[in-house]
Amino acid sequence: MSEIRHDWNLGEIRALFDLPFNDLLFRAHTLHREYHDPNGVQISSLLSIKTGACPEDCSYCSQSARNETELERETLMPLNEVLEAAQAAQDNGASRFCMGAAWRNPTDKNLDKVIEMIQGVKALGLQSCVTLGMLSDKQAERLREAGLDYYNHNLDTSPEFYGNVITTRVYQDRLDTLKHVRDAGINVCSGGILGMGESSTDRASMLQQLANMPIHPESVPINLLVQVEGTPLHGSEELDPIEFIRSIAVARILMPRSDVRLSAGRTEMSDEMQALCFFAGANSIFYGERLLTTDNAGTNHDQQLFQRLGLHATEIEEDPQDHACGSHLIQQAQQAQQQ
């Protein structure tokens, strides 16, 4: 197996982005085959369990109370509706069910309700993931005790560009939440959004932040900006598809063991673009008609694309609590901190 590194400098990552396209894809795909089934794709499904009225000012987000998107505000979904959605996702082939709530950070009372959802999803035989905003260390511990498999908290962009997108929290807040999640022994899901007006150096810097963590995120979602009318980023110049594919390839090279997920923006991608992303190292997608509040590629279309490309959904071989979320993961984090 190739060496797993956590000490990439920005110049090295920029050099990867600057490789001839074919050379970059060959390198990424070769590495992908070392660590993953080249024709296997992990399938997740995402549900907004609490929509709108978020106090943050994220420039891309339809759920921010500061953005005039006319999104209807909703309270936390009842448990039975969440579990019905989870069962439907499982019936359509999803192995992981992700739940997102538009909070800056959850209250302990809200967390009680989310924990019931996590336990219900786990009882169906699905992996569980939530994204709830910032967490304290004690809240992360409670989620671990509830059996949560993954916690999503994206870095969004580089530290240098971050202030152009969000001002209501600082970059370190995001890093602190990821540390709480890691220290609790929960799998980390963290990536970013491309096409927000950032430079290629910003894309390299964001991936550097992820790749130089003591333990790489188990899941790295790479989103293409979905331009929502009423948000400050609506009308932004669209990202060159080749640059997006390059970002997927570089993420695969930097984090060989991680699942690299094609997340938001797939409705704007051609089948050919997605095929190149899978070749470059993407091995996870979100299934279903919606991603929180934005459209997603339909399940039927994804099934047809998989058939055309000879791809198949990967199955859960064992409970990640047994090998990644437990004491072994905590020991890894402690050893990395000591080094």
C-alpha atoms as a PDB file:
ATOM      1  CA  MET A   1       0.000   0.000   0.000  1.00  0.00           C
ATOM      2  CA  SER A   2       1.130   3.537  -0.726  1.00  0.00           C
ATOM      3  CA  GLU A   3       2.197   5.758   2.146  1.00  0.00           C
ATOM      4  CA  ILE A   4      -0.569   7.692   3.913  1.00  0.00           C
ATOM      5  CA  ARG A   5       0.664  11.217   4.587  1.00  0.00           C
ATOM      6  CA  HIS A   6      -0.508  13.973   6.922  1.00  0.00           C
ATOM      7  CA  ASP A   7       2.187  16.544   6.142  1.00  0.00           C
ATOM      8  CA  TRP A   8       1.313  17.949   2.713  1.00  0.00           C
ATOM      9  CA  ASN A   9       2.507  21.469   1.986  1.00  0.00           C
ATOM     10  CA  LEU A  10       0.549  23.836  -0.211  1.00  0.00           C
ATOM     11  CA  GLY A  11       3.163  23.804  -2.978  1.00  0.00           C
ATOM     12  CA  GLU A  12       2.905  20.022  -3.318  1.00  0.00           C
ATOM     13  CA  ILE A  13      -0.865  20.167  -3.584  1.00  0.00           C
ATOM     14  CA  ARG A  14      -0.764  22.974  -6.126  1.00  0.00           C
ATOM     15  CA  ALA A  15       1.667  20.870  -8.154  1.00  0.00           C
ATOM     16  CA  LEU A  16      -0.908  18.061  -8.229  1.00  0.00           C
ATOM     17  CA  PHE A  17      -3.572  20.455  -9.509  1.00  0.00           C
ATOM     18  CA  ASP A  18      -1.142  21.614 -12.210  1.00  0.00           C
ATOM     19  CA  LEU A  19      -0.446  18.124 -13.579  1.00  0.00           C
ATOM     20  CA  PRO A  20      -1.664  17.342 -17.097  1.00  0.00           C
ATOM     21  CA  PHE A  21      -5.255  16.154 -16.725  1.00  0.00           C
ATOM     22  CA  ASN A  22      -4.571  12.603 -17.932  1.00  0.00           C
ATOM     23  CA  ASP A  23      -1.552  12.222 -15.668  1.00  0.00           C
ATOM     24  CA  LEU A  24      -3.519  13.442 -12.649  1.00  0.00           C
ATOM     25  CA  LEU A  25      -6.429  11.079 -13.317  1.00  0.00           C
ATOM     26  CA  PHE A  26      -4.088   8.131 -13.906  1.00  0.00           C
ATOM     27  CA  ARG A  27      -2.325   8.769 -10.600  1.00  0.00           C
ATOM     28  CA  ALA A  28      -5.592   9.205  -8.696  1.00  0.00           C
ATOM     29  CA  HIS A  29      -7.256   6.164 -10.253  1.00  0.00           C
ATOM     30  CA  THR A  30      -4.231   3.948  -9.633  1.00  0.00           C
ATOM     31  CA  LEU A  31      -4.261   4.932  -5.968  1.00  0.00           C
ATOM     32  CA  HIS A  32      -8.030   4.503  -5.812  1.00  0.00           C
ATOM     33  CA  ARG A  33      -7.675   0.879  -6.930  1.00  0.00           C
ATOM     34  CA  GLU A  34      -5.180   0.232  -4.133  1.00  0.00           C
ATOM     35  CA  TYR A  35      -7.678   1.073  -1.408  1.00  0.00           C
ATOM     36  CA  HIS A  36     -11.173   0.694  -2.865  1.00  0.00           C
ATOM     37  CA  ASP A  37     -13.342  -1.357  -5.174  1.00  0.00           C
ATOM     38  CA  PRO A  38     -13.005   0.738  -8.364  1.00  0.00           C
ATOM     39  CA  ASN A  39     -16.598  -0.059  -9.350  1.00  0.00           C
ATOM     40  CA  GLY A  40     -18.176   0.208  -5.908  1.00  0.00           C
ATOM     41  CA  VAL A  41     -20.072   3.281  -4.723  1.00  0.00           C
ATOM     42  CA  GLN A  42     -21.321   3.871  -1.183  1.00  0.00           C
ATOM     43  CA  ILE A  43     -24.868   5.243  -1.220  1.00  0.00           C
ATOM     44  CA  SER A  44     -26.192   7.664   1.370  1.00  0.00           C
ATOM     45  CA  SER A  45     -29.518   9.447   1.649  1.00  0.00           C
ATOM     46  CA  LEU A  46     -29.967  12.891   3.212  1.00  0.00           C
ATOM     47  CA  LEU A  47     -33.043  14.291   4.951  1.00  0.00           C
ATOM     48  CA  SER A  48     -33.642  17.766   6.363  1.00  0.00           C
ATOM     49  CA  ILE A  49     -35.170  17.085   9.778  1.00  0.00           C
ATOM     50  CA  LYS A  50     -35.413  20.780  10.664  1.00  0.00           C
ATOM     51  CA  THR A  51     -35.539  23.319   7.847  1.00  0.00           C
ATOM     52  CA  GLY A  52     -34.900  27.074   7.737  1.00  0.00           C
ATOM     53  CA  ALA A  53     -34.435  29.930  10.218  1.00  0.00           C
ATOM     54  CA  CYS A  54     -30.733  29.272  10.789  1.00  0.00           C
ATOM     55  CA  PRO A  55     -29.056  32.307  12.418  1.00  0.00           C
ATOM     56  CA  GLU A  56     -25.796  31.834  10.465  1.00  0.00           C
ATOM     57  CA  ASP A  57     -25.058  34.036   7.431  1.00  0.00           C
ATOM     58  CA  CYS A  58     -23.550  31.425   5.072  1.00  0.00           C
ATOM     59  CA  SER A  59     -23.648  33.093   1.648  1.00  0.00           C
ATOM     60  CA  TYR A  60     -24.561  29.896  -0.193  1.00  0.00           C
ATOM     61  CA  CYS A  61     -27.348  28.683   2.074  1.00  0.00           C
ATOM     62  CA  SER A  62     -31.081  28.828   1.421  1.00  0.00           C
ATOM     63  CA  GLN A  63     -31.740  28.094   5.099  1.00  0.00           C
ATOM     64  CA  SER A  64     -30.087  31.205   6.519  1.00  0.00           C
ATOM     65  CA  ALA A  65     -32.597  33.562   8.129  1.00  0.00           C
ATOM     66  CA  ARG A  66     -30.519  36.413   6.682  1.00  0.00           C
ATOM     67  CA  ASN A  67     -31.033  35.294   3.079  1.00  0.00           C
ATOM     68  CA  GLU A  68     -34.309  36.092   1.304  1.00  0.00           C
ATOM     69  CA  THR A  69     -34.993  32.739  -0.301  1.00  0.00           C
ATOM     70  CA  GLU A  70     -38.674  32.417   0.667  1.00  0.00           C
ATOM     71  CA  LEU A  71     -37.922  29.011   2.145  1.00  0.00           C
ATOM     72  CA  GLU A  72     -40.693  27.897   4.460  1.00  0.00           C
ATOM     73  CA  ARG A  73     -39.494  27.472   8.033  1.00  0.00           C
ATOM     74  CA  GLU A  74     -40.260  24.109   9.588  1.00  0.00           C
ATOM     75  CA  THR A  75     -39.972  22.673  13.064  1.00  0.00           C
ATOM     76  CA  LEU A  76     -38.176  19.450  13.911  1.00  0.00           C
ATOM     77  CA  MET A  77     -39.773  16.504  12.103  1.00  0.00           C
ATOM     78  CA  PRO A  78     -41.657  13.903  14.164  1.00  0.00           C
ATOM     79  CA  LEU A  79     -39.799  10.666  14.809  1.00  0.00           C
ATOM     80  CA  ASN A  80     -42.209   8.500  12.833  1.00  0.00           C
ATOM     81  CA  GLU A  81     -41.805  10.618   9.680  1.00  0.00           C
ATOM     82  CA  VAL A  82     -38.022  10.457   9.928  1.00  0.00           C
ATOM     83  CA  LEU A  83     -38.082   6.671  10.257  1.00  0.00           C
ATOM     84  CA  GLU A  84     -40.493   6.352   7.338  1.00  0.00           C
ATOM     85  CA  ALA A  85     -38.037   8.346   5.206  1.00  0.00           C
ATOM     86  CA  ALA A  86     -35.170   6.187   6.437  1.00  0.00           C
ATOM     87  CA  GLN A  87     -37.019   3.009   5.524  1.00  0.00           C
ATOM     88  CA  ALA A  88     -37.763   4.391   2.046  1.00  0.00           C
ATOM     89  CA  ALA A  89     -34.089   5.281   1.596  1.00  0.00           C
ATOM     90  CA  GLN A  90     -33.055   1.780   2.598  1.00  0.00           C
ATOM     91  CA  ASP A  91     -35.587   0.273   0.193  1.00  0.00           C
ATOM     92  CA  ASN A  92     -33.983   2.339  -2.593  1.00  0.00           C
ATOM     93  CA  GLY A  93     -30.510   1.017  -1.836  1.00  0.00           C
ATOM     94  CA  ALA A  94     -29.043   3.480   0.674  1.00  0.00           C
ATOM     95  CA  SER A  95     -26.719   2.057   3.333  1.00  0.00           C
ATOM     96  CA  ARG A  96     -26.346   5.280   5.321  1.00  0.00           C
ATOM     97  CA  PHE A  97     -29.064   7.714   6.392  1.00  0.00           C
ATOM     98  CA  CYS A  98     -27.996  11.305   7.064  1.00  0.00           C
ATOM     99  CA  MET A  99     -30.114  13.838   8.947  1.00  0.00           C
ATOM    100  CA  GLY A 100     -29.524  17.580   8.835  1.00  0.00           C
ATOM    101  CA  ALA A 101     -30.927  20.309  11.077  1.00  0.00           C
ATOM    102  CA  ALA A 102     -30.561  24.037  10.399  1.00  0.00           C
ATOM    103  CA  TRP A 103     -29.094  24.988  13.765  1.00  0.00           C
ATOM    104  CA  ARG A 104     -26.047  26.992  14.752  1.00  0.00           C
ATOM    105  CA  ASN A 105     -25.685  24.384  17.479  1.00  0.00           C
ATOM    106  CA  PRO A 106     -28.238  22.006  19.026  1.00  0.00           C
ATOM    107  CA  THR A 107     -29.665  22.509  22.493  1.00  0.00           C
ATOM    108  CA  ASP A 108     -29.518  19.533  24.822  1.00  0.00           C
ATOM    109  CA  LYS A 109     -33.297  19.192  24.516  1.00  0.00           C
ATOM    110  CA  ASN A 110     -33.055  19.079  20.728  1.00  0.00           C
ATOM    111  CA  LEU A 111     -30.261  16.550  21.023  1.00  0.00           C
ATOM    112  CA  ASP A 112     -32.529  14.240  23.032  1.00  0.00           C
ATOM    113  CA  LYS A 113     -34.927  14.094  20.089  1.00  0.00           C
ATOM    114  CA  VAL A 114     -32.183  13.583  17.524  1.00  0.00           C
ATOM    115  CA  ILE A 115     -30.766  10.725  19.604  1.00  0.00           C
ATOM    116  CA  GLU A 116     -34.136   8.964  19.350  1.00  0.00           C
ATOM    117  CA  MET A 117     -33.911   9.341  15.570  1.00  0.00           C
ATOM    118  CA  ILE A 118     -30.370   7.954  15.497  1.00  0.00           C
ATOM    119  CA  GLN A 119     -31.405   4.926  17.527  1.00  0.00           C
ATOM    120  CA  GLY A 120     -34.402   4.336  15.259  1.00  0.00           C
ATOM    121  CA  VAL A 121     -32.285   4.553  12.103  1.00  0.00           C
ATOM    122  CA  LYS A 122     -29.739   2.140  13.575  1.00  0.00           C
ATOM    123  CA  ALA A 123     -32.520  -0.303  14.436  1.00  0.00           C
ATOM    124  CA  LEU A 124     -33.390  -0.465  10.724  1.00  0.00           C
ATOM    125  CA  GLY A 125     -29.866  -1.661   9.972  1.00  0.00           C
ATOM    126  CA  LEU A 126     -28.667   1.608   8.436  1.00  0.00           C
ATOM    127  CA  GLN A 127     -25.549   3.550   9.288  1.00  0.00           C
ATOM    128  CA  SER A 128     -26.411   6.906  10.851  1.00  0.00           C
ATOM    129  CA  CYS A 129     -25.058  10.378  10.200  1.00  0.00           C
ATOM    130  CA  VAL A 130     -26.171  13.791  11.439  1.00  0.00           C
ATOM    131  CA  THR A 131     -25.189  17.380  10.769  1.00  0.00           C
ATOM    132  CA  LEU A 132     -26.432  19.713  13.488  1.00  0.00           C
ATOM    133  CA  GLY A 133     -23.953  22.581  13.534  1.00  0.00           C
ATOM    134  CA  MET A 134     -21.341  23.130  16.221  1.00  0.00           C
ATOM    135  CA  LEU A 135     -21.016  20.635  19.063  1.00  0.00           C
ATOM    136  CA  SER A 136     -19.536  20.746  22.536  1.00  0.00           C
ATOM    137  CA  ASP A 137     -17.338  17.888  23.682  1.00  0.00           C
ATOM    138  CA  LYS A 138     -20.104  16.601  25.970  1.00  0.00           C
ATOM    139  CA  GLN A 139     -22.659  16.641  23.136  1.00  0.00           C
ATOM    140  CA  ALA A 140     -20.285  14.661  20.935  1.00  0.00           C
ATOM    141  CA  GLU A 141     -19.914  12.095  23.714  1.00  0.00           C
ATOM    142  CA  ARG A 142     -23.696  11.769  23.975  1.00  0.00           C
ATOM    143  CA  LEU A 143     -23.969  11.148  20.243  1.00  0.00           C
ATOM    144  CA  ARG A 144     -21.269   8.507  20.466  1.00  0.00           C
ATOM    145  CA  GLU A 145     -23.119   6.784  23.315  1.00  0.00           C
ATOM    146  CA  ALA A 146     -26.273   6.821  21.181  1.00  0.00           C
ATOM    147  CA  GLY A 147     -24.412   4.846  18.511  1.00  0.00           C
ATOM    148  CA  LEU A 148     -23.924   7.597  15.922  1.00  0.00           C
ATOM    149  CA  ASP A 149     -21.663   6.416  13.104  1.00  0.00           C
ATOM    150  CA  TYR A 150     -20.773   9.683  11.315  1.00  0.00           C
ATOM    151  CA  TYR A 151     -20.944  13.399  12.068  1.00  0.00           C
ATOM    152  CA  ASN A 152     -20.841  15.839   9.165  1.00  0.00           C
ATOM    153  CA  HIS A 153     -19.335  19.285   9.636  1.00  0.00           C
ATOM    154  CA  ASN A 154     -17.841  20.761   6.477  1.00  0.00           C
ATOM    155  CA  LEU A 155     -14.942  23.192   6.424  1.00  0.00           C
ATOM    156  CA  ASP A 156     -16.620  24.695   3.323  1.00  0.00           C
ATOM    157  CA  THR A 157     -13.509  26.399   1.940  1.00  0.00           C
ATOM    158  CA  SER A 158      -9.973  27.485   2.784  1.00  0.00           C
ATOM    159  CA  PRO A 159      -9.106  29.423   5.968  1.00  0.00           C
ATOM    160  CA  GLU A 160      -8.045  32.324   3.756  1.00  0.00           C
ATOM    161  CA  PHE A 161     -11.325  32.571   1.823  1.00  0.00           C
ATOM    162  CA  TYR A 162     -13.669  31.616   4.640  1.00  0.00           C
ATOM    163  CA  GLY A 163     -14.455  35.169   5.766  1.00  0.00           C
ATOM    164  CA  ASN A 164     -15.793  35.978   2.292  1.00  0.00           C
ATOM    165  CA  VAL A 165     -18.495  33.345   2.735  1.00  0.00           C
ATOM    166  CA  ILE A 166     -19.343  33.281   6.454  1.00  0.00           C
ATOM    167  CA  THR A 167     -18.913  35.855   9.223  1.00  0.00           C
ATOM    168  CA  THR A 168     -21.078  34.474  12.055  1.00  0.00           C
ATOM    169  CA  ARG A 169     -18.503  31.874  13.085  1.00  0.00           C
ATOM    170  CA  VAL A 170     -14.784  31.549  12.564  1.00  0.00           C
ATOM    171  CA  TYR A 171     -12.819  28.755  10.950  1.00  0.00           C
ATOM    172  CA  GLN A 172     -11.491  27.558  14.287  1.00  0.00           C
ATOM    173  CA  ASP A 173     -15.071  26.917  15.450  1.00  0.00           C
ATOM    174  CA  ARG A 174     -15.384  24.313  12.708  1.00  0.00           C
ATOM    175  CA  LEU A 175     -12.050  22.732  13.563  1.00  0.00           C
ATOM    176  CA  ASP A 176     -13.026  22.602  17.246  1.00  0.00           C
ATOM    177  CA  THR A 177     -16.256  20.739  16.466  1.00  0.00           C
ATOM    178  CA  LEU A 178     -14.374  18.233  14.310  1.00  0.00           C
ATOM    179  CA  LYS A 179     -11.926  17.682  17.173  1.00  0.00           C
ATOM    180  CA  HIS A 180     -14.786  17.021  19.604  1.00  0.00           C
ATOM    181  CA  VAL A 181     -16.260  14.510  17.144  1.00  0.00           C
ATOM    182  CA  ARG A 182     -12.929  12.771  16.622  1.00  0.00           C
ATOM    183  CA  ASP A 183     -12.079  12.686  20.315  1.00  0.00           C
ATOM    184  CA  ALA A 184     -15.474  11.097  21.032  1.00  0.00           C
ATOM    185  CA  GLY A 185     -14.671   8.294  18.584  1.00  0.00           C
ATOM    186  CA  ILE A 186     -17.239   9.156  15.917  1.00  0.00           C
ATOM    187  CA  ASN A 187     -16.360   8.930  12.229  1.00  0.00           C
ATOM    188  CA  VAL A 188     -15.712  12.354  10.710  1.00  0.00           C
ATOM    189  CA  CYS A 189     -17.478  13.515   7.556  1.00  0.00           C
ATOM    190  CA  SER A 190     -16.010  16.808   6.350  1.00  0.00           C
ATOM    191  CA  GLY A 191     -15.418  18.422   2.989  1.00  0.00           C
ATOM    192  CA  GLY A 192     -16.249  21.620   1.193  1.00  0.00           C
ATOM    193  CA  ILE A 193     -18.059  23.534  -1.509  1.00  0.00           C
ATOM    194  CA  LEU A 194     -16.466  24.460  -4.827  1.00  0.00           C
ATOM    195  CA  GLY A 195     -17.535  27.281  -7.104  1.00  0.00           C
ATOM    196  CA  MET A 196     -18.066  30.033  -4.524  1.00  0.00           C
ATOM    197  CA  GLY A 197     -15.578  32.374  -6.184  1.00  0.00           C
ATOM    198  CA  GLU A 198     -12.552  30.859  -4.485  1.00  0.00           C
ATOM    199  CA  SER A 199      -9.216  30.507  -6.275  1.00  0.00           C
ATOM    200  CA  SER A 200      -7.506  27.270  -7.203  1.00  0.00           C
ATOM    201  CA  THR A 201      -5.114  27.959  -4.325  1.00  0.00           C
ATOM    202  CA  ASP A 202      -8.117  28.114  -1.971  1.00  0.00           C
ATOM    203  CA  ARG A 203      -9.261  24.710  -3.202  1.00  0.00           C
ATOM    204  CA  ALA A 204      -5.782  23.348  -2.561  1.00  0.00           C
ATOM    205  CA  SER A 205      -5.694  24.964   0.887  1.00  0.00           C
ATOM    206  CA  MET A 206      -9.041  23.476   1.896  1.00  0.00           C
ATOM    207  CA  LEU A 207      -7.893  19.986   0.909  1.00  0.00           C
ATOM    208  CA  GLN A 208      -4.646  20.590   2.787  1.00  0.00           C
ATOM    209  CA  GLN A 209      -6.623  21.272   5.971  1.00  0.00           C
ATOM    210  CA  LEU A 210      -8.420  17.931   5.617  1.00  0.00           C
ATOM    211  CA  ALA A 211      -5.412  15.908   4.494  1.00  0.00           C
ATOM    212  CA  ASN A 212      -3.181  17.127   7.318  1.00  0.00           C
ATOM    213  CA  MET A 213      -5.580  16.158  10.100  1.00  0.00           C
ATOM    214  CA  PRO A 214      -4.031  13.516  12.398  1.00  0.00           C
ATOM    215  CA  ILE A 215      -6.642  11.072  11.058  1.00  0.00           C
ATOM    216  CA  HIS A 216      -8.185  11.745   7.661  1.00  0.00           C
ATOM    217  CA  PRO A 217     -11.971  12.192   7.571  1.00  0.00           C
ATOM    218  CA  GLU A 218     -13.610   8.850   6.828  1.00  0.00           C
ATOM    219  CA  SER A 219     -15.948  10.667   4.432  1.00  0.00           C
ATOM    220  CA  VAL A 220     -15.052  13.717   2.322  1.00  0.00           C
ATOM    221  CA  PRO A 221     -18.064  15.292   0.576  1.00  0.00           C
ATOM    222  CA  ILE A 222     -17.139  17.546  -2.339  1.00  0.00           C
ATOM    223  CA  ASN A 223     -20.036  19.853  -3.226  1.00  0.00           C
ATOM    224  CA  LEU A 224     -20.524  21.940  -6.348  1.00  0.00           C
ATOM    225  CA  LEU A 225     -22.257  25.191  -5.417  1.00  0.00           C
ATOM    226  CA  VAL A 226     -25.997  25.096  -6.029  1.00  0.00           C
ATOM    227  CA  GLN A 227     -26.892  28.692  -6.768  1.00  0.00           C
ATOM    228  CA  VAL A 228     -30.082  29.532  -4.899  1.00  0.00           C
ATOM    229  CA  GLU A 229     -31.936  32.706  -5.790  1.00  0.00           C
ATOM    230  CA  GLY A 230     -31.918  35.109  -2.855  1.00  0.00           C
ATOM    231  CA  THR A 231     -28.492  34.072  -1.571  1.00  0.00           C
ATOM    232  CA  PRO A 232     -25.458  36.354  -1.989  1.00  0.00           C
ATOM    233  CA  LEU A 233     -23.708  33.754  -4.165  1.00  0.00           C
ATOM    234  CA  HIS A 234     -26.534  33.516  -6.662  1.00  0.00           C
ATOM    235  CA  GLY A 235     -25.175  34.568 -10.040  1.00  0.00           C
ATOM    236  CA  SER A 236     -21.588  33.527  -9.294  1.00  0.00           C
ATOM    237  CA  GLU A 237     -19.415  32.456 -12.189  1.00  0.00           C
ATOM    238  CA  GLU A 238     -19.774  28.721 -12.674  1.00  0.00           C
ATOM    239  CA  LEU A 239     -16.799  26.499 -11.957  1.00  0.00           C
ATOM    240  CA  ASP A 240     -15.086  24.798 -14.890  1.00  0.00           C
ATOM    241  CA  PRO A 241     -16.113  21.099 -14.765  1.00  0.00           C
ATOM    242  CA  ILE A 242     -12.511  20.049 -15.425  1.00  0.00           C
ATOM    243  CA  GLU A 243     -11.425  21.966 -12.311  1.00  0.00           C
ATOM    244  CA  PHE A 244     -14.056  20.137 -10.265  1.00  0.00           C
ATOM    245  CA  ILE A 245     -12.831  16.769 -11.529  1.00  0.00           C
ATOM    246  CA  ARG A 246      -9.254  17.795 -10.725  1.00  0.00           C
ATOM    247  CA  SER A 247     -10.364  18.539  -7.154  1.00  0.00           C
ATOM    248  CA  ILE A 248     -11.864  15.057  -6.831  1.00  0.00           C
ATOM    249  CA  ALA A 249      -8.628  13.507  -8.098  1.00  0.00           C
ATOM    250  CA  VAL A 250      -6.452  15.539  -5.736  1.00  0.00           C
ATOM    251  CA  ALA A 251      -8.703  14.661  -2.781  1.00  0.00           C
ATOM    252  CA  ARG A 252      -8.279  10.990  -3.645  1.00  0.00           C
ATOM    253  CA  ILE A 253      -4.478  11.291  -3.813  1.00  0.00           C
ATOM    254  CA  LEU A 254      -4.244  13.177  -0.522  1.00  0.00           C
ATOM    255  CA  MET A 255      -6.685  10.933   1.383  1.00  0.00           C
ATOM    256  CA  PRO A 256      -6.450   7.461  -0.176  1.00  0.00           C
ATOM    257  CA  ARG A 257      -8.526   5.606   2.416  1.00  0.00           C
ATOM    258  CA  SER A 258     -11.356   8.152   2.666  1.00  0.00           C
ATOM    259  CA  ASP A 259     -14.657   7.883   0.855  1.00  0.00           C
ATOM    260  CA  VAL A 260     -14.849  10.861  -1.510  1.00  0.00           C
ATOM    261  CA  ARG A 261     -18.482  11.779  -2.075  1.00  0.00           C
ATOM    262  CA  LEU A 262     -20.135  13.571  -4.959  1.00  0.00           C
ATOM    263  CA  SER A 263     -22.604  15.648  -2.987  1.00  0.00           C
ATOM    264  CA  ALA A 264     -24.589  18.763  -3.890  1.00  0.00           C
ATOM    265  CA  GLY A 265     -24.631  19.957  -7.477  1.00  0.00           C
ATOM    266  CA  ARG A 266     -25.001  16.647  -9.302  1.00  0.00           C
ATOM    267  CA  THR A 267     -28.074  17.959 -11.117  1.00  0.00           C
ATOM    268  CA  GLU A 268     -25.705  20.383 -12.844  1.00  0.00           C
ATOM    269  CA  MET A 269     -23.282  17.610 -13.839  1.00  0.00           C
ATOM    270  CA  SER A 270     -23.523  15.631 -17.044  1.00  0.00           C
ATOM    271  CA  ASP A 271     -23.328  11.859 -16.887  1.00  0.00           C
ATOM    272  CA  GLU A 272     -19.926  12.109 -18.553  1.00  0.00           C
ATOM    273  CA  MET A 273     -18.665  14.510 -15.862  1.00  0.00           C
ATOM    274  CA  GLN A 274     -19.849  12.172 -13.110  1.00  0.00           C
ATOM    275  CA  ALA A 275     -18.222   9.211 -14.864  1.00  0.00           C
ATOM    276  CA  LEU A 276     -14.885  11.030 -14.843  1.00  0.00           C
ATOM    277  CA  CYS A 277     -15.364  11.859 -11.163  1.00  0.00           C
ATOM    278  CA  PHE A 278     -15.879   8.170 -10.378  1.00  0.00           C
ATOM    279  CA  PHE A 279     -12.736   7.332 -12.366  1.00  0.00           C
ATOM    280  CA  ALA A 280     -10.823  10.048 -10.505  1.00  0.00           C
ATOM    281  CA  GLY A 281     -11.686   8.507  -7.145  1.00  0.00           C
ATOM    282  CA  ALA A 282     -15.214   9.479  -6.096  1.00  0.00           C
ATOM    283  CA  ASN A 283     -16.830   6.443  -4.495  1.00  0.00           C
ATOM    284  CA  SER A 284     -19.865   7.785  -2.664  1.00  0.00           C
ATOM    285  CA  ILE A 285     -23.020   9.698  -3.595  1.00  0.00           C
ATOM    286  CA  PHE A 286     -26.256  10.962  -2.116  1.00  0.00           C
ATOM    287  CA  TYR A 287     -29.265   9.104  -3.475  1.00  0.00           C
ATOM    288  CA  GLY A 288     -32.751  10.620  -3.697  1.00  0.00           C
ATOM    289  CA  GLU A 289     -34.678  13.547  -5.105  1.00  0.00           C
ATOM    290  CA  ARG A 290     -33.593  16.140  -2.515  1.00  0.00           C
ATOM    291  CA  LEU A 291     -30.504  17.242  -0.585  1.00  0.00           C
ATOM    292  CA  LEU A 292     -31.824  19.176   2.393  1.00  0.00           C
ATOM    293  CA  THR A 293     -33.493  21.988   0.388  1.00  0.00           C
ATOM    294  CA  THR A 294     -31.998  21.599  -3.101  1.00  0.00           C
ATOM    295  CA  ASP A 295     -32.736  19.182  -5.926  1.00  0.00           C
ATOM    296  CA  ASN A 296     -30.667  16.062  -6.399  1.00  0.00           C
ATOM    297  CA  ALA A 297     -30.288  13.559  -9.219  1.00  0.00           C
ATOM    298  CA  GLY A 298     -33.246  11.182  -9.147  1.00  0.00           C
ATOM    299  CA  THR A 299     -32.878   7.621  -7.890  1.00  0.00           C
ATOM    300  CA  ASN A 300     -33.984   6.134 -11.219  1.00  0.00           C
ATOM    301  CA  HIS A 301     -31.443   8.205 -13.124  1.00  0.00           C
ATOM    302  CA  ASP A 302     -28.676   7.125 -10.767  1.00  0.00           C
ATOM    303  CA  GLN A 303     -29.638   3.484 -11.197  1.00  0.00           C
ATOM    304  CA  GLN A 304     -29.493   3.874 -14.969  1.00  0.00           C
ATOM    305  CA  LEU A 305     -26.119   5.633 -14.758  1.00  0.00           C
ATOM    306  CA  PHE A 306     -24.743   2.878 -12.524  1.00  0.00           C
ATOM    307  CA  GLN A 307     -25.901   0.288 -15.023  1.00  0.00           C
ATOM    308  CA  ARG A 308     -24.294   2.127 -17.942  1.00  0.00           C
ATOM    309  CA  LEU A 309     -20.989   2.461 -16.078  1.00  0.00           C
ATOM    310  CA  GLY A 310     -20.996  -1.010 -14.537  1.00  0.00           C
ATOM    311  CA  LEU A 311     -21.046   0.400 -11.002  1.00  0.00           C
ATOM    312  CA  HIS A 312     -22.668  -1.204  -7.983  1.00  0.00           C
ATOM    313  CA  ALA A 313     -23.636  -0.121  -4.492  1.00  0.00           C
ATOM    314  CA  THR A 314     -21.244  -1.229  -1.776  1.00  0.00           C
ATOM    315  CA  GLU A 315     -22.704  -3.048   1.183  1.00  0.00           C
ATOM    316  CA  ILE A 316     -22.009  -2.604   4.874  1.00  0.00           C
ATOM    317  CA  GLU A 317     -19.603  -5.394   5.756  1.00  0.00           C
ATOM    318  CA  GLU A 318     -19.505  -4.690   9.461  1.00  0.00           C
ATOM    319  CA  ASP A 319     -20.673  -2.115  11.954  1.00  0.00           C
ATOM    320  CA  PRO A 320     -18.214   0.818  11.801  1.00  0.00           C
ATOM    321  CA  GLN A 321     -18.598   1.070  15.563  1.00  0.00           C
ATOM    322  CA  ASP A 322     -16.500  -2.112  15.716  1.00  0.00           C
ATOM    323  CA  HIS A 323     -13.491  -0.780  13.858  1.00  0.00           C
ATOM    324  CA  ALA A 324     -13.573   2.973  13.362  1.00  0.00           C
ATOM    325  CA  CYS A 325     -15.791   4.583  15.951  1.00  0.00           C
ATOM    326  CA  GLY A 326     -14.622   2.883  19.108  1.00  0.00           C
ATOM    327  CA  SER A 327     -11.616   2.820  21.360  1.00  0.00           C
ATOM    328  CA  HIS A 328      -9.276   2.009  18.445  1.00  0.00           C
ATOM    329  CA  LEU A 329     -10.139   5.341  16.817  1.00  0.00           C
ATOM    330  CA  ILE A 330      -9.731   7.244  20.060  1.00  0.00           C
ATOM    331  CA  GLN A 331      -6.333   5.627  20.624  1.00  0.00           C
ATOM    332  CA  GLN A 332      -5.272   6.664  17.111  1.00  0.00           C
ATOM    333  CA  ALA A 333      -6.230  10.265  17.802  1.00  0.00           C
ATOM    334  CA  GLN A 334      -4.377  10.281  21.111  1.00  0.00           C
ATOM    335  CA  GLN A 335      -1.239   8.818  19.528  1.00  0.00           C
ATOM    336  CA  ALA A 336      -1.352  11.391  16.724  1.00  0.00           C
ATOM    337  CA  GLN A 337      -1.638  14.233  19.237  1.00  0.00           C
ATOM    338  CA  GLN A 338       1.352  12.910  21.199  1.00  0.00           C
ATOM    339  CA  GLN A 339       3.456  12.802  18.038  1.00  0.00           C
END
